[in-house]
Amino acid sequence: LPWVKSLVERVAGVPAAEQRVPGDGHVEHHAETYDDMSLKKDKRWRQTKAAASLDSDIARGTAFSWAVTGMMTVQMLPSALPVFALLGFGLLETL
């Protein structure tokens, strides 16, 4: 949404094209895994920045670390809770 970009630019004081948010390795994980979830281990892959960025990841080769799992759960609550409420589930049943 263009208006969101312009708002962020005004608040941050930095053009949107120059803003970078550090990742948590999730995108790199998808770059490293094949459809069957086996890991790329070839020399060409190992020489990439994405592969090097995963070297210190203790959860390498898994879908997510526990921290990322928690973050994703919290991010889903605003959209998931109303849907489950409409289906008749309470908060404790949803969690």
Protein backbone atom coordinates (compact mmCIF):
# COMPACT_ATOMS: atom_id res chain seq x y z
CA LEU A 1 0.00 0.00 0.00
CA PRO A 2 1.58 3.28 -1.11
CA TRP A 3 0.10 5.29 1.77
CA VAL A 4 1.68 2.92 4.31
CA LYS A 5 5.07 3.35 2.66
CA SER A 6 4.80 7.12 2.72
CA LEU A 7 3.69 7.07 6.36
CA VAL A 8 6.64 4.87 7.33
CA GLU A 9 9.00 7.13 5.36
CA ARG A 10 7.72 10.19 7.21
CA VAL A 11 7.93 8.56 10.63
CA ALA A 12 11.33 6.93 10.06
CA GLY A 13 12.78 9.81 8.06
CA VAL A 14 14.30 7.31 5.62
CA PRO A 15 13.08 6.45 2.11
CA ALA A 16 11.30 3.09 1.97
CA ALA A 17 13.82 1.71 -0.53
CA GLU A 18 16.60 2.22 2.03
CA GLN A 19 14.78 0.66 4.97
CA ARG A 20 15.83 -2.86 5.85
CA VAL A 21 14.36 -5.04 8.56
CA PRO A 22 16.69 -7.82 9.69
CA GLY A 23 15.28 -11.28 9.13
CA ASP A 24 15.10 -14.26 11.41
CA GLY A 25 16.37 -16.83 8.93
CA HIS A 26 12.97 -18.04 7.78
CA VAL A 27 13.41 -16.87 4.18
CA GLU A 28 16.91 -18.33 4.11
CA HIS A 29 15.50 -21.60 5.45
CA HIS A 30 13.21 -21.81 2.43
CA ALA A 31 16.14 -21.10 0.14
CA GLU A 32 18.10 -23.91 1.77
CA THR A 33 15.48 -26.65 1.77
CA TYR A 34 14.08 -28.75 -1.03
CA ASP A 35 10.39 -29.69 -1.23
CA ASP A 36 11.06 -32.87 0.76
CA MET A 37 12.72 -30.72 3.49
CA SER A 38 16.18 -32.12 2.81
CA LEU A 39 18.96 -29.52 2.96
CA LYS A 40 21.12 -28.22 0.15
CA LYS A 41 24.73 -29.13 0.87
CA ASP A 42 26.43 -28.42 -2.44
CA LYS A 43 29.48 -26.18 -2.70
CA ARG A 44 27.68 -23.50 -4.71
CA TRP A 45 24.96 -23.11 -2.05
CA ARG A 46 27.47 -23.10 0.81
CA GLN A 47 29.23 -20.10 -0.76
CA THR A 48 26.13 -17.88 -0.64
CA LYS A 49 25.44 -15.19 1.97
CA ALA A 50 22.15 -16.92 2.83
CA ALA A 51 23.91 -20.19 3.66
CA ALA A 52 26.53 -18.40 5.75
CA SER A 53 23.82 -16.52 7.67
CA LEU A 54 22.36 -19.85 8.83
CA ASP A 55 25.64 -21.24 10.15
CA SER A 56 24.98 -19.98 13.68
CA ASP A 57 21.31 -21.04 13.71
CA ILE A 58 20.84 -23.81 16.30
CA ALA A 59 17.48 -24.64 14.69
CA ARG A 60 19.00 -25.01 11.21
CA GLY A 61 17.12 -27.54 9.13
CA THR A 62 13.92 -27.23 11.15
CA ALA A 63 10.92 -25.18 10.15
CA PHE A 64 11.30 -22.56 12.90
CA SER A 65 13.09 -21.83 16.12
CA TRP A 66 10.95 -21.58 19.25
CA ALA A 67 11.31 -17.78 19.22
CA VAL A 68 9.97 -17.58 15.67
CA THR A 69 7.15 -19.99 16.51
CA GLY A 70 6.10 -17.73 19.39
CA MET A 71 6.33 -14.60 17.27
CA MET A 72 4.23 -16.14 14.50
CA THR A 73 1.63 -17.32 17.01
CA VAL A 74 1.26 -13.81 18.43
CA GLN A 75 1.08 -12.33 14.91
CA MET A 76 -1.78 -14.68 14.01
CA LEU A 77 -3.92 -13.89 17.06
CA PRO A 78 -5.55 -10.67 15.70
CA SER A 79 -6.86 -12.53 12.66
CA ALA A 80 -7.46 -15.96 14.19
CA LEU A 81 -9.26 -15.05 17.42
CA PRO A 82 -12.25 -13.30 15.79
CA VAL A 83 -12.73 -16.18 13.35
CA PHE A 84 -12.67 -18.77 16.11
CA ALA A 85 -15.02 -16.60 18.21
CA LEU A 86 -17.49 -16.53 15.32
CA LEU A 87 -17.25 -20.32 15.19
CA GLY A 88 -18.18 -20.50 18.87
CA PHE A 89 -14.77 -21.14 20.42
CA GLY A 90 -13.59 -19.28 23.50
CA LEU A 91 -10.14 -17.82 24.05
CA LEU A 92 -8.75 -20.79 26.00
CA GLU A 93 -10.12 -23.27 23.46
CA THR A 94 -8.48 -21.32 20.64
CA LEU A 95 -5.06 -21.22 22.28
